[in-house]
Amino acid sequence: IDIISDAGLESLTIPIISMRTNINEMMIYK
């Protein structure tokens, strides 16, 4: 939600979410 707020829907990617949350990408896919 914060990513969308900051940069829009098109900026929502798994790598960006991973960086923002400090959660490994593979864990996000879980």
mmCIF file of all heavy atoms, coordinates in Angstrom:
data_MODEL
# 
_entry.id   MODEL 
# 
loop_
_atom_site.group_PDB 
_atom_site.id 
_atom_site.type_symbol 
_atom_site.label_atom_id 
_atom_site.label_alt_id 
_atom_site.label_comp_id 
_atom_site.label_asym_id 
_atom_site.label_entity_id 
_atom_site.label_seq_id 
_atom_site.pdbx_PDB_ins_code 
_atom_site.Cartn_x 
_atom_site.Cartn_y 
_atom_site.Cartn_z 
_atom_site.occupancy 
_atom_site.B_iso_or_equiv 
_atom_site.pdbx_formal_charge 
_atom_site.auth_seq_id 
_atom_site.auth_comp_id 
_atom_site.auth_asym_id 
_atom_site.auth_atom_id 
_atom_site.pdbx_PDB_model_num 
ATOM 1   N N   . ILE A 1 1  ? 0.847  -1.199  0.000   1.00 0.00 ? 1  ILE A N   1 
ATOM 2   C CA  . ILE A 1 1  ? 0.000  0.000   0.000   1.00 0.00 ? 1  ILE A CA  1 
ATOM 3   C C   . ILE A 1 1  ? 0.882  1.249   0.000   1.00 0.00 ? 1  ILE A C   1 
ATOM 4   O O   . ILE A 1 1  ? 0.628  2.202   -0.748  1.00 0.00 ? 1  ILE A O   1 
ATOM 5   C CB  . ILE A 1 1  ? -0.971 -0.007  1.203   1.00 0.00 ? 1  ILE A CB  1 
ATOM 6   C CG1 . ILE A 1 1  ? -1.999 -1.132  1.034   1.00 0.00 ? 1  ILE A CG1 1 
ATOM 7   C CG2 . ILE A 1 1  ? -1.660 1.350   1.365   1.00 0.00 ? 1  ILE A CG2 1 
ATOM 8   C CD1 . ILE A 1 1  ? -2.829 -1.424  2.277   1.00 0.00 ? 1  ILE A CD1 1 
ATOM 9   N N   . ASP A 1 2  ? 1.940  1.242   0.786   1.00 0.00 ? 2  ASP A N   1 
ATOM 10  C CA  . ASP A 1 2  ? 2.861  2.382   0.824   1.00 0.00 ? 2  ASP A CA  1 
ATOM 11  C C   . ASP A 1 2  ? 3.556  2.584   -0.522  1.00 0.00 ? 2  ASP A C   1 
ATOM 12  O O   . ASP A 1 2  ? 3.741  3.719   -0.962  1.00 0.00 ? 2  ASP A O   1 
ATOM 13  C CB  . ASP A 1 2  ? 3.903  2.195   1.929   1.00 0.00 ? 2  ASP A CB  1 
ATOM 14  C CG  . ASP A 1 2  ? 3.308  2.321   3.323   1.00 0.00 ? 2  ASP A CG  1 
ATOM 15  O OD1 . ASP A 1 2  ? 2.203  2.875   3.462   1.00 0.00 ? 2  ASP A OD1 1 
ATOM 16  O OD2 . ASP A 1 2  ? 3.959  1.840   4.280   1.00 0.00 ? 2  ASP A OD2 1 
ATOM 17  N N   . ILE A 1 3  ? 3.940  1.501   -1.171  1.00 0.00 ? 3  ILE A N   1 
ATOM 18  C CA  . ILE A 1 3  ? 4.590  1.594   -2.480  1.00 0.00 ? 3  ILE A CA  1 
ATOM 19  C C   . ILE A 1 3  ? 3.632  2.222   -3.492  1.00 0.00 ? 3  ILE A C   1 
ATOM 20  O O   . ILE A 1 3  ? 4.015  3.123   -4.246  1.00 0.00 ? 3  ILE A O   1 
ATOM 21  C CB  . ILE A 1 3  ? 5.068  0.199   -2.959  1.00 0.00 ? 3  ILE A CB  1 
ATOM 22  C CG1 . ILE A 1 3  ? 6.232  -0.287  -2.087  1.00 0.00 ? 3  ILE A CG1 1 
ATOM 23  C CG2 . ILE A 1 3  ? 5.475  0.233   -4.434  1.00 0.00 ? 3  ILE A CG2 1 
ATOM 24  C CD1 . ILE A 1 3  ? 6.535  -1.778  -2.221  1.00 0.00 ? 3  ILE A CD1 1 
ATOM 25  N N   . ILE A 1 4  ? 2.394  1.770   -3.505  1.00 0.00 ? 4  ILE A N   1 
ATOM 26  C CA  . ILE A 1 4  ? 1.393  2.339   -4.420  1.00 0.00 ? 4  ILE A CA  1 
ATOM 27  C C   . ILE A 1 4  ? 1.197  3.815   -4.117  1.00 0.00 ? 4  ILE A C   1 
ATOM 28  O O   . ILE A 1 4  ? 1.122  4.647   -5.025  1.00 0.00 ? 4  ILE A O   1 
ATOM 29  C CB  . ILE A 1 4  ? 0.066  1.562   -4.322  1.00 0.00 ? 4  ILE A CB  1 
ATOM 30  C CG1 . ILE A 1 4  ? 0.241  0.143   -4.873  1.00 0.00 ? 4  ILE A CG1 1 
ATOM 31  C CG2 . ILE A 1 4  ? -1.054 2.302   -5.061  1.00 0.00 ? 4  ILE A CG2 1 
ATOM 32  C CD1 . ILE A 1 4  ? -0.911 -0.791  -4.547  1.00 0.00 ? 4  ILE A CD1 1 
ATOM 33  N N   . SER A 1 5  ? 1.135  4.160   -2.851  1.00 0.00 ? 5  SER A N   1 
ATOM 34  C CA  . SER A 1 5  ? 0.961  5.552   -2.440  1.00 0.00 ? 5  SER A CA  1 
ATOM 35  C C   . SER A 1 5  ? 2.133  6.416   -2.898  1.00 0.00 ? 5  SER A C   1 
ATOM 36  O O   . SER A 1 5  ? 1.945  7.533   -3.369  1.00 0.00 ? 5  SER A O   1 
ATOM 37  C CB  . SER A 1 5  ? 0.815  5.631   -0.923  1.00 0.00 ? 5  SER A CB  1 
ATOM 38  O OG  . SER A 1 5  ? 0.710  6.965   -0.502  1.00 0.00 ? 5  SER A OG  1 
ATOM 39  N N   . ASP A 1 6  ? 3.335  5.879   -2.758  1.00 0.00 ? 6  ASP A N   1 
ATOM 40  C CA  . ASP A 1 6  ? 4.546  6.641   -3.103  1.00 0.00 ? 6  ASP A CA  1 
ATOM 41  C C   . ASP A 1 6  ? 4.785  6.748   -4.605  1.00 0.00 ? 6  ASP A C   1 
ATOM 42  O O   . ASP A 1 6  ? 5.224  7.789   -5.086  1.00 0.00 ? 6  ASP A O   1 
ATOM 43  C CB  . ASP A 1 6  ? 5.784  5.998   -2.466  1.00 0.00 ? 6  ASP A CB  1 
ATOM 44  C CG  . ASP A 1 6  ? 5.775  6.084   -0.955  1.00 0.00 ? 6  ASP A CG  1 
ATOM 45  O OD1 . ASP A 1 6  ? 4.985  6.869   -0.392  1.00 0.00 ? 6  ASP A OD1 1 
ATOM 46  O OD2 . ASP A 1 6  ? 6.551  5.327   -0.321  1.00 0.00 ? 6  ASP A OD2 1 
ATOM 47  N N   . ALA A 1 7  ? 4.526  5.665   -5.351  1.00 0.00 ? 7  ALA A N   1 
ATOM 48  C CA  . ALA A 1 7  ? 4.963  5.639   -6.749  1.00 0.00 ? 7  ALA A CA  1 
ATOM 49  C C   . ALA A 1 7  ? 3.944  5.082   -7.737  1.00 0.00 ? 7  ALA A C   1 
ATOM 50  O O   . ALA A 1 7  ? 4.252  4.934   -8.910  1.00 0.00 ? 7  ALA A O   1 
ATOM 51  C CB  . ALA A 1 7  ? 6.261  4.851   -6.843  1.00 0.00 ? 7  ALA A CB  1 
ATOM 52  N N   . GLY A 1 8  ? 2.754  4.728   -7.300  1.00 0.00 ? 8  GLY A N   1 
ATOM 53  C CA  . GLY A 1 8  ? 1.724  4.251   -8.214  1.00 0.00 ? 8  GLY A CA  1 
ATOM 54  C C   . GLY A 1 8  ? 1.686  2.735   -8.363  1.00 0.00 ? 8  GLY A C   1 
ATOM 55  O O   . GLY A 1 8  ? 2.597  2.029   -7.929  1.00 0.00 ? 8  GLY A O   1 
ATOM 56  N N   . LEU A 1 9  ? 0.622  2.270   -8.981  1.00 0.00 ? 9  LEU A N   1 
ATOM 57  C CA  . LEU A 1 9  ? 0.396  0.832   -9.143  1.00 0.00 ? 9  LEU A CA  1 
ATOM 58  C C   . LEU A 1 9  ? 1.506  0.135   -9.937  1.00 0.00 ? 9  LEU A C   1 
ATOM 59  O O   . LEU A 1 9  ? 1.888  -0.986  -9.620  1.00 0.00 ? 9  LEU A O   1 
ATOM 60  C CB  . LEU A 1 9  ? -0.938 0.583   -9.855  1.00 0.00 ? 9  LEU A CB  1 
ATOM 61  C CG  . LEU A 1 9  ? -2.195 0.727   -9.031  1.00 0.00 ? 9  LEU A CG  1 
ATOM 62  C CD1 . LEU A 1 9  ? -3.424 0.642   -9.921  1.00 0.00 ? 9  LEU A CD1 1 
ATOM 63  C CD2 . LEU A 1 9  ? -2.254 -0.329  -7.955  1.00 0.00 ? 9  LEU A CD2 1 
ATOM 64  N N   . GLU A 1 10 ? 1.997  0.801   -10.971 1.00 0.00 ? 10 GLU A N   1 
ATOM 65  C CA  . GLU A 1 10 ? 3.002  0.168   -11.825 1.00 0.00 ? 10 GLU A CA  1 
ATOM 66  C C   . GLU A 1 10 ? 4.320  -0.100  -11.107 1.00 0.00 ? 10 GLU A C   1 
ATOM 67  O O   . GLU A 1 10 ? 5.124  -0.912  -11.553 1.00 0.00 ? 10 GLU A O   1 
ATOM 68  C CB  . GLU A 1 10 ? 3.242  0.986   -13.098 1.00 0.00 ? 10 GLU A CB  1 
ATOM 69  C CG  . GLU A 1 10 ? 3.876  2.346   -12.883 1.00 0.00 ? 10 GLU A CG  1 
ATOM 70  C CD  . GLU A 1 10 ? 2.931  3.421   -12.364 1.00 0.00 ? 10 GLU A CD  1 
ATOM 71  O OE1 . GLU A 1 10 ? 1.702  3.239   -12.395 1.00 0.00 ? 10 GLU A OE1 1 
ATOM 72  O OE2 . GLU A 1 10 ? 3.444  4.465   -11.907 1.00 0.00 ? 10 GLU A OE2 1 
ATOM 73  N N   . SER A 1 11 ? 4.527  0.536   -9.991  1.00 0.00 ? 11 SER A N   1 
ATOM 74  C CA  . SER A 1 11 ? 5.773  0.347   -9.232  1.00 0.00 ? 11 SER A CA  1 
ATOM 75  C C   . SER A 1 11 ? 5.715  -0.852  -8.287  1.00 0.00 ? 11 SER A C   1 
ATOM 76  O O   . SER A 1 11 ? 6.717  -1.204  -7.672  1.00 0.00 ? 11 SER A O   1 
ATOM 77  C CB  . SER A 1 11 ? 6.098  1.606   -8.435  1.00 0.00 ? 11 SER A CB  1 
ATOM 78  O OG  . SER A 1 11 ? 5.083  1.831   -7.484  1.00 0.00 ? 11 SER A OG  1 
ATOM 79  N N   . LEU A 1 12 ? 4.568  -1.493  -8.192  1.00 0.00 ? 12 LEU A N   1 
ATOM 80  C CA  . LEU A 1 12 ? 4.421  -2.621  -7.278  1.00 0.00 ? 12 LEU A CA  1 
ATOM 81  C C   . LEU A 1 12 ? 5.024  -3.879  -7.903  1.00 0.00 ? 12 LEU A C   1 
ATOM 82  O O   . LEU A 1 12 ? 4.436  -4.482  -8.794  1.00 0.00 ? 12 LEU A O   1 
ATOM 83  C CB  . LEU A 1 12 ? 2.949  -2.852  -6.934  1.00 0.00 ? 12 LEU A CB  1 
ATOM 84  C CG  . LEU A 1 12 ? 2.675  -3.876  -5.847  1.00 0.00 ? 12 LEU A CG  1 
ATOM 85  C CD1 . LEU A 1 12 ? 3.235  -3.411  -4.509  1.00 0.00 ? 12 LEU A CD1 1 
ATOM 86  C CD2 . LEU A 1 12 ? 1.183  -4.138  -5.722  1.00 0.00 ? 12 LEU A CD2 1 
ATOM 87  N N   . THR A 1 13 ? 6.207  -4.236  -7.443  1.00 0.00 ? 13 THR A N   1 
ATOM 88  C CA  . THR A 1 13 ? 6.887  -5.441  -7.915  1.00 0.00 ? 13 THR A CA  1 
ATOM 89  C C   . THR A 1 13 ? 7.388  -6.223  -6.707  1.00 0.00 ? 13 THR A C   1 
ATOM 90  O O   . THR A 1 13 ? 7.588  -5.647  -5.628  1.00 0.00 ? 13 THR A O   1 
ATOM 91  C CB  . THR A 1 13 ? 8.096  -5.109  -8.816  1.00 0.00 ? 13 THR A CB  1 
ATOM 92  O OG1 . THR A 1 13 ? 9.084  -4.419  -8.029  1.00 0.00 ? 13 THR A OG1 1 
ATOM 93  C CG2 . THR A 1 13 ? 7.693  -4.258  -10.021 1.00 0.00 ? 13 THR A CG2 1 
ATOM 94  N N   . ILE A 1 14 ? 7.597  -7.501  -6.899  1.00 0.00 ? 14 ILE A N   1 
ATOM 95  C CA  . ILE A 1 14 ? 8.090  -8.347  -5.807  1.00 0.00 ? 14 ILE A CA  1 
ATOM 96  C C   . ILE A 1 14 ? 9.459  -7.865  -5.312  1.00 0.00 ? 14 ILE A C   1 
ATOM 97  O O   . ILE A 1 14 ? 9.673  -7.767  -4.095  1.00 0.00 ? 14 ILE A O   1 
ATOM 98  C CB  . ILE A 1 14 ? 8.116  -9.846  -6.222  1.00 0.00 ? 14 ILE A CB  1 
ATOM 99  C CG1 . ILE A 1 14 ? 6.702  -10.332 -6.560  1.00 0.00 ? 14 ILE A CG1 1 
ATOM 100 C CG2 . ILE A 1 14 ? 8.767  -10.698 -5.137  1.00 0.00 ? 14 ILE A CG2 1 
ATOM 101 C CD1 . ILE A 1 14 ? 5.686  -10.313 -5.438  1.00 0.00 ? 14 ILE A CD1 1 
ATOM 102 N N   . PRO A 1 15 ? 10.412 -7.529  -6.210  1.00 0.00 ? 15 PRO A N   1 
ATOM 103 C CA  . PRO A 1 15 ? 11.707 -7.032  -5.702  1.00 0.00 ? 15 PRO A CA  1 
ATOM 104 C C   . PRO A 1 15 ? 11.585 -5.760  -4.854  1.00 0.00 ? 15 PRO A C   1 
ATOM 105 O O   . PRO A 1 15 ? 12.257 -5.621  -3.831  1.00 0.00 ? 15 PRO A O   1 
ATOM 106 C CB  . PRO A 1 15 ? 12.520 -6.772  -6.978  1.00 0.00 ? 15 PRO A CB  1 
ATOM 107 C CG  . PRO A 1 15 ? 11.921 -7.681  -8.001  1.00 0.00 ? 15 PRO A CG  1 
ATOM 108 C CD  . PRO A 1 15 ? 10.457 -7.738  -7.670  1.00 0.00 ? 15 PRO A CD  1 
ATOM 109 N N   . ILE A 1 16 ? 10.699 -4.848  -5.257  1.00 0.00 ? 16 ILE A N   1 
ATOM 110 C CA  . ILE A 1 16 ? 10.528 -3.605  -4.482  1.00 0.00 ? 16 ILE A CA  1 
ATOM 111 C C   . ILE A 1 16 ? 9.870  -3.913  -3.139  1.00 0.00 ? 16 ILE A C   1 
ATOM 112 O O   . ILE A 1 16 ? 10.265 -3.366  -2.110  1.00 0.00 ? 16 ILE A O   1 
ATOM 113 C CB  . ILE A 1 16 ? 9.740  -2.553  -5.294  1.00 0.00 ? 16 ILE A CB  1 
ATOM 114 C CG1 . ILE A 1 16 ? 10.603 -2.071  -6.468  1.00 0.00 ? 16 ILE A CG1 1 
ATOM 115 C CG2 . ILE A 1 16 ? 9.316  -1.389  -4.414  1.00 0.00 ? 16 ILE A CG2 1 
ATOM 116 C CD1 . ILE A 1 16 ? 9.896  -1.133  -7.431  1.00 0.00 ? 16 ILE A CD1 1 
ATOM 117 N N   . ILE A 1 17 ? 8.892  -4.797  -3.153  1.00 0.00 ? 17 ILE A N   1 
ATOM 118 C CA  . ILE A 1 17 ? 8.257  -5.199  -1.890  1.00 0.00 ? 17 ILE A CA  1 
ATOM 119 C C   . ILE A 1 17 ? 9.291  -5.841  -0.979  1.00 0.00 ? 17 ILE A C   1 
ATOM 120 O O   . ILE A 1 17 ? 9.339  -5.563  0.226   1.00 0.00 ? 17 ILE A O   1 
ATOM 121 C CB  . ILE A 1 17 ? 7.079  -6.171  -2.140  1.00 0.00 ? 17 ILE A CB  1 
ATOM 122 C CG1 . ILE A 1 17 ? 5.972  -5.467  -2.925  1.00 0.00 ? 17 ILE A CG1 1 
ATOM 123 C CG2 . ILE A 1 17 ? 6.538  -6.712  -0.824  1.00 0.00 ? 17 ILE A CG2 1 
ATOM 124 C CD1 . ILE A 1 17 ? 4.920  -6.413  -3.487  1.00 0.00 ? 17 ILE A CD1 1 
ATOM 125 N N   . SER A 1 18 ? 10.142 -6.679  -1.542  1.00 0.00 ? 18 SER A N   1 
ATOM 126 C CA  . SER A 1 18 ? 11.188 -7.352  -0.768  1.00 0.00 ? 18 SER A CA  1 
ATOM 127 C C   . SER A 1 18 ? 12.130 -6.333  -0.115  1.00 0.00 ? 18 SER A C   1 
ATOM 128 O O   . SER A 1 18 ? 12.451 -6.449  1.074   1.00 0.00 ? 18 SER A O   1 
ATOM 129 C CB  . SER A 1 18 ? 11.979 -8.304  -1.676  1.00 0.00 ? 18 SER A CB  1 
ATOM 130 O OG  . SER A 1 18 ? 13.041 -8.884  -0.978  1.00 0.00 ? 18 SER A OG  1 
ATOM 131 N N   . MET A 1 19 ? 12.541 -5.338  -0.898  1.00 0.00 ? 19 MET A N   1 
ATOM 132 C CA  . MET A 1 19 ? 13.428 -4.302  -0.344  1.00 0.00 ? 19 MET A CA  1 
ATOM 133 C C   . MET A 1 19 ? 12.725 -3.502  0.751   1.00 0.00 ? 19 MET A C   1 
ATOM 134 O O   . MET A 1 19 ? 13.316 -3.205  1.774   1.00 0.00 ? 19 MET A O   1 
ATOM 135 C CB  . MET A 1 19 ? 13.898 -3.352  -1.452  1.00 0.00 ? 19 MET A CB  1 
ATOM 136 C CG  . MET A 1 19 ? 14.934 -3.963  -2.366  1.00 0.00 ? 19 MET A CG  1 
ATOM 137 S SD  . MET A 1 19 ? 15.692 -2.789  -3.527  1.00 0.00 ? 19 MET A SD  1 
ATOM 138 C CE  . MET A 1 19 ? 14.322 -1.897  -4.175  1.00 0.00 ? 19 MET A CE  1 
ATOM 139 N N   . ARG A 1 20 ? 11.462 -3.170  0.531   1.00 0.00 ? 20 ARG A N   1 
ATOM 140 C CA  . ARG A 1 20 ? 10.716 -2.344  1.480   1.00 0.00 ? 20 ARG A CA  1 
ATOM 141 C C   . ARG A 1 20 ? 10.454 -3.084  2.793   1.00 0.00 ? 20 ARG A C   1 
ATOM 142 O O   . ARG A 1 20 ? 10.432 -2.483  3.847   1.00 0.00 ? 20 ARG A O   1 
ATOM 143 C CB  . ARG A 1 20 ? 9.401  -1.919  0.824   1.00 0.00 ? 20 ARG A CB  1 
ATOM 144 C CG  . ARG A 1 20 ? 8.566  -0.914  1.568   1.00 0.00 ? 20 ARG A CG  1 
ATOM 145 C CD  . ARG A 1 20 ? 9.132  0.505   1.616   1.00 0.00 ? 20 ARG A CD  1 
ATOM 146 N NE  . ARG A 1 20 ? 9.064  1.235   0.406   1.00 0.00 ? 20 ARG A NE  1 
ATOM 147 C CZ  . ARG A 1 20 ? 8.172  2.180   0.128   1.00 0.00 ? 20 ARG A CZ  1 
ATOM 148 N NH1 . ARG A 1 20 ? 7.234  2.479   0.989   1.00 0.00 ? 20 ARG A NH1 1 
ATOM 149 N NH2 . ARG A 1 20 ? 8.229  2.818   -1.004  1.00 0.00 ? 20 ARG A NH2 1 
ATOM 150 N N   . THR A 1 21 ? 10.234 -4.397  2.714   1.00 0.00 ? 21 THR A N   1 
ATOM 151 C CA  . THR A 1 21 ? 9.864  -5.167  3.906   1.00 0.00 ? 21 THR A CA  1 
ATOM 152 C C   . THR A 1 21 ? 11.039 -5.902  4.540   1.00 0.00 ? 21 THR A C   1 
ATOM 153 O O   . THR A 1 21 ? 10.926 -6.402  5.653   1.00 0.00 ? 21 THR A O   1 
ATOM 154 C CB  . THR A 1 21 ? 8.805  -6.227  3.552   1.00 0.00 ? 21 THR A CB  1 
ATOM 155 O OG1 . THR A 1 21 ? 9.344  -7.096  2.549   1.00 0.00 ? 21 THR A OG1 1 
ATOM 156 C CG2 . THR A 1 21 ? 7.515  -5.598  3.097   1.00 0.00 ? 21 THR A CG2 1 
ATOM 157 N N   . ASN A 1 22 ? 12.119 -5.978  3.778   1.00 0.00 ? 22 ASN A N   1 
ATOM 158 C CA  . ASN A 1 22 ? 13.266 -6.783  4.211   1.00 0.00 ? 22 ASN A CA  1 
ATOM 159 C C   . ASN A 1 22 ? 12.875 -8.267  4.362   1.00 0.00 ? 22 ASN A C   1 
ATOM 160 O O   . ASN A 1 22 ? 13.352 -8.967  5.241   1.00 0.00 ? 22 ASN A O   1 
ATOM 161 C CB  . ASN A 1 22 ? 13.876 -6.244  5.505   1.00 0.00 ? 22 ASN A CB  1 
ATOM 162 C CG  . ASN A 1 22 ? 15.314 -6.691  5.678   1.00 0.00 ? 22 ASN A CG  1 
ATOM 163 O OD1 . ASN A 1 22 ? 15.989 -7.047  4.714   1.00 0.00 ? 22 ASN A OD1 1 
ATOM 164 N ND2 . ASN A 1 22 ? 15.781 -6.705  6.913   1.00 0.00 ? 22 ASN A ND2 1 
ATOM 165 N N   . ILE A 1 23 ? 11.958 -8.679  3.492   1.00 0.00 ? 23 ILE A N   1 
ATOM 166 C CA  . ILE A 1 23 ? 11.535 -10.068 3.425   1.00 0.00 ? 23 ILE A CA  1 
ATOM 167 C C   . ILE A 1 23 ? 12.045 -10.636 2.109   1.00 0.00 ? 23 ILE A C   1 
ATOM 168 O O   . ILE A 1 23 ? 11.819 -10.038 1.046   1.00 0.00 ? 23 ILE A O   1 
ATOM 169 C CB  . ILE A 1 23 ? 9.995  -10.204 3.499   1.00 0.00 ? 23 ILE A CB  1 
ATOM 170 C CG1 . ILE A 1 23 ? 9.466  -9.683  4.844   1.00 0.00 ? 23 ILE A CG1 1 
ATOM 171 C CG2 . ILE A 1 23 ? 9.562  -11.654 3.283   1.00 0.00 ? 23 ILE A CG2 1 
ATOM 172 C CD1 . ILE A 1 23 ? 7.947  -9.626  4.929   1.00 0.00 ? 23 ILE A CD1 1 
ATOM 173 N N   . ASN A 1 24 ? 12.689 -11.763 2.151   1.00 0.00 ? 24 ASN A N   1 
ATOM 174 C CA  . ASN A 1 24 ? 13.222 -12.418 0.968   1.00 0.00 ? 24 ASN A CA  1 
ATOM 175 C C   . ASN A 1 24 ? 12.111 -12.637 -0.057  1.00 0.00 ? 24 ASN A C   1 
ATOM 176 O O   . ASN A 1 24 ? 10.985 -12.992 0.305   1.00 0.00 ? 24 ASN A O   1 
ATOM 177 C CB  . ASN A 1 24 ? 13.845 -13.756 1.414   1.00 0.00 ? 24 ASN A CB  1 
ATOM 178 C CG  . ASN A 1 24 ? 14.437 -14.524 0.286   1.00 0.00 ? 24 ASN A CG  1 
ATOM 179 O OD1 . ASN A 1 24 ? 13.715 -14.994 -0.602  1.00 0.00 ? 24 ASN A OD1 1 
ATOM 180 N ND2 . ASN A 1 24 ? 15.748 -14.684 0.326   1.00 0.00 ? 24 ASN A ND2 1 
ATOM 181 N N   . GLU A 1 25 ? 12.438 -12.459 -1.349  1.00 0.00 ? 25 GLU A N   1 
ATOM 182 C CA  . GLU A 1 25 ? 11.446 -12.625 -2.410  1.00 0.00 ? 25 GLU A CA  1 
ATOM 183 C C   . GLU A 1 25 ? 10.784 -14.003 -2.369  1.00 0.00 ? 25 GLU A C   1 
ATOM 184 O O   . GLU A 1 25 ? 9.588  -14.128 -2.586  1.00 0.00 ? 25 GLU A O   1 
ATOM 185 C CB  . GLU A 1 25 ? 12.086 -12.405 -3.784  1.00 0.00 ? 25 GLU A CB  1 
ATOM 186 C CG  . GLU A 1 25 ? 12.411 -10.955 -4.063  1.00 0.00 ? 25 GLU A CG  1 
ATOM 187 C CD  . GLU A 1 25 ? 13.011 -10.742 -5.434  1.00 0.00 ? 25 GLU A CD  1 
ATOM 188 O OE1 . GLU A 1 25 ? 12.579 -11.422 -6.405  1.00 0.00 ? 25 GLU A OE1 1 
ATOM 189 O OE2 . GLU A 1 25 ? 13.905 -9.893  -5.550  1.00 0.00 ? 25 GLU A OE2 1 
ATOM 190 N N   . MET A 1 26 ? 11.566 -15.038 -2.096  1.00 0.00 ? 26 MET A N   1 
ATOM 191 C CA  . MET A 1 26 ? 11.001 -16.392 -2.039  1.00 0.00 ? 26 MET A CA  1 
ATOM 192 C C   . MET A 1 26 ? 9.978  -16.503 -0.904  1.00 0.00 ? 26 MET A C   1 
ATOM 193 O O   . MET A 1 26 ? 8.980  -17.208 -1.033  1.00 0.00 ? 26 MET A O   1 
ATOM 194 C CB  . MET A 1 26 ? 12.102 -17.445 -1.868  1.00 0.00 ? 26 MET A CB  1 
ATOM 195 C CG  . MET A 1 26 ? 13.025 -17.554 -3.085  1.00 0.00 ? 26 MET A CG  1 
ATOM 196 S SD  . MET A 1 26 ? 12.125 -17.737 -4.647  1.00 0.00 ? 26 MET A SD  1 
ATOM 197 C CE  . MET A 1 26 ? 11.388 -19.330 -4.426  1.00 0.00 ? 26 MET A CE  1 
ATOM 198 N N   . MET A 1 27 ? 10.210 -15.799 0.184   1.00 0.00 ? 27 MET A N   1 
ATOM 199 C CA  . MET A 1 27 ? 9.268  -15.807 1.298   1.00 0.00 ? 27 MET A CA  1 
ATOM 200 C C   . MET A 1 27 ? 7.977  -15.084 0.901   1.00 0.00 ? 27 MET A C   1 
ATOM 201 O O   . MET A 1 27 ? 6.883  -15.510 1.267   1.00 0.00 ? 27 MET A O   1 
ATOM 202 C CB  . MET A 1 27 ? 9.895  -15.150 2.532   1.00 0.00 ? 27 MET A CB  1 
ATOM 203 C CG  . MET A 1 27 ? 8.980  -15.172 3.724   1.00 0.00 ? 27 MET A CG  1 
ATOM 204 S SD  . MET A 1 27 ? 8.616  -16.835 4.263   1.00 0.00 ? 27 MET A SD  1 
ATOM 205 C CE  . MET A 1 27 ? 9.683  -16.943 5.654   1.00 0.00 ? 27 MET A CE  1 
ATOM 206 N N   . ILE A 1 28 ? 8.099  -14.024 0.118   1.00 0.00 ? 28 ILE A N   1 
ATOM 207 C CA  . ILE A 1 28 ? 6.909  -13.317 -0.364  1.00 0.00 ? 28 ILE A CA  1 
ATOM 208 C C   . ILE A 1 28 ? 6.061  -14.263 -1.215  1.00 0.00 ? 28 ILE A C   1 
ATOM 209 O O   . ILE A 1 28 ? 4.838  -14.306 -1.082  1.00 0.00 ? 28 ILE A O   1 
ATOM 210 C CB  . ILE A 1 28 ? 7.291  -12.039 -1.148  1.00 0.00 ? 28 ILE A CB  1 
ATOM 211 C CG1 . ILE A 1 28 ? 7.931  -11.021 -0.194  1.00 0.00 ? 28 ILE A CG1 1 
ATOM 212 C CG2 . ILE A 1 28 ? 6.072  -11.436 -1.856  1.00 0.00 ? 28 ILE A CG2 1 
ATOM 213 C CD1 . ILE A 1 28 ? 8.535  -9.817  -0.861  1.00 0.00 ? 28 ILE A CD1 1 
ATOM 214 N N   . TYR A 1 29 ? 6.736  -15.049 -2.063  1.00 0.00 ? 29 TYR A N   1 
ATOM 215 C CA  . TYR A 1 29 ? 6.014  -16.002 -2.907  1.00 0.00 ? 29 TYR A CA  1 
ATOM 216 C C   . TYR A 1 29 ? 5.350  -17.117 -2.086  1.00 0.00 ? 29 TYR A C   1 
ATOM 217 O O   . TYR A 1 29 ? 4.432  -17.771 -2.558  1.00 0.00 ? 29 TYR A O   1 
ATOM 218 C CB  . TYR A 1 29 ? 6.932  -16.606 -3.963  1.00 0.00 ? 29 TYR A CB  1 
ATOM 219 C CG  . TYR A 1 29 ? 7.211  -15.661 -5.106  1.00 0.00 ? 29 TYR A CG  1 
ATOM 220 C CD1 . TYR A 1 29 ? 8.485  -15.151 -5.316  1.00 0.00 ? 29 TYR A CD1 1 
ATOM 221 C CD2 . TYR A 1 29 ? 6.184  -15.273 -5.973  1.00 0.00 ? 29 TYR A CD2 1 
ATOM 222 C CE1 . TYR A 1 29 ? 8.743  -14.282 -6.363  1.00 0.00 ? 29 TYR A CE1 1 
ATOM 223 C CE2 . TYR A 1 29 ? 6.436  -14.403 -7.015  1.00 0.00 ? 29 TYR A CE2 1 
ATOM 224 C CZ  . TYR A 1 29 ? 7.713  -13.908 -7.212  1.00 0.00 ? 29 TYR A CZ  1 
ATOM 225 O OH  . TYR A 1 29 ? 7.950  -13.044 -8.246  1.00 0.00 ? 29 TYR A OH  1 
ATOM 226 N N   . LYS A 1 30 ? 5.802  -17.297 -0.872  1.00 0.00 ? 30 LYS A N   1 
ATOM 227 C CA  . LYS A 1 30 ? 5.148  -18.269 0.011   1.00 0.00 ? 30 LYS A CA  1 
ATOM 228 C C   . LYS A 1 30 ? 3.730  -17.805 0.363   1.00 0.00 ? 30 LYS A C   1 
ATOM 229 O O   . LYS A 1 30 ? 2.822  -18.611 0.521   1.00 0.00 ? 30 LYS A O   1 
ATOM 230 C CB  . LYS A 1 30 ? 5.979  -18.440 1.286   1.00 0.00 ? 30 LYS A CB  1 
ATOM 231 C CG  . LYS A 1 30 ? 5.356  -19.365 2.308   1.00 0.00 ? 30 LYS A CG  1 
ATOM 232 C CD  . LYS A 1 30 ? 6.202  -19.430 3.561   1.00 0.00 ? 30 LYS A CD  1 
ATOM 233 C CE  . LYS A 1 30 ? 5.443  -20.196 4.638   1.00 0.00 ? 30 LYS A CE  1 
ATOM 234 N NZ  . LYS A 1 30 ? 6.010  -20.065 5.939   1.00 0.00 ? 30 LYS A NZ  1 
# 
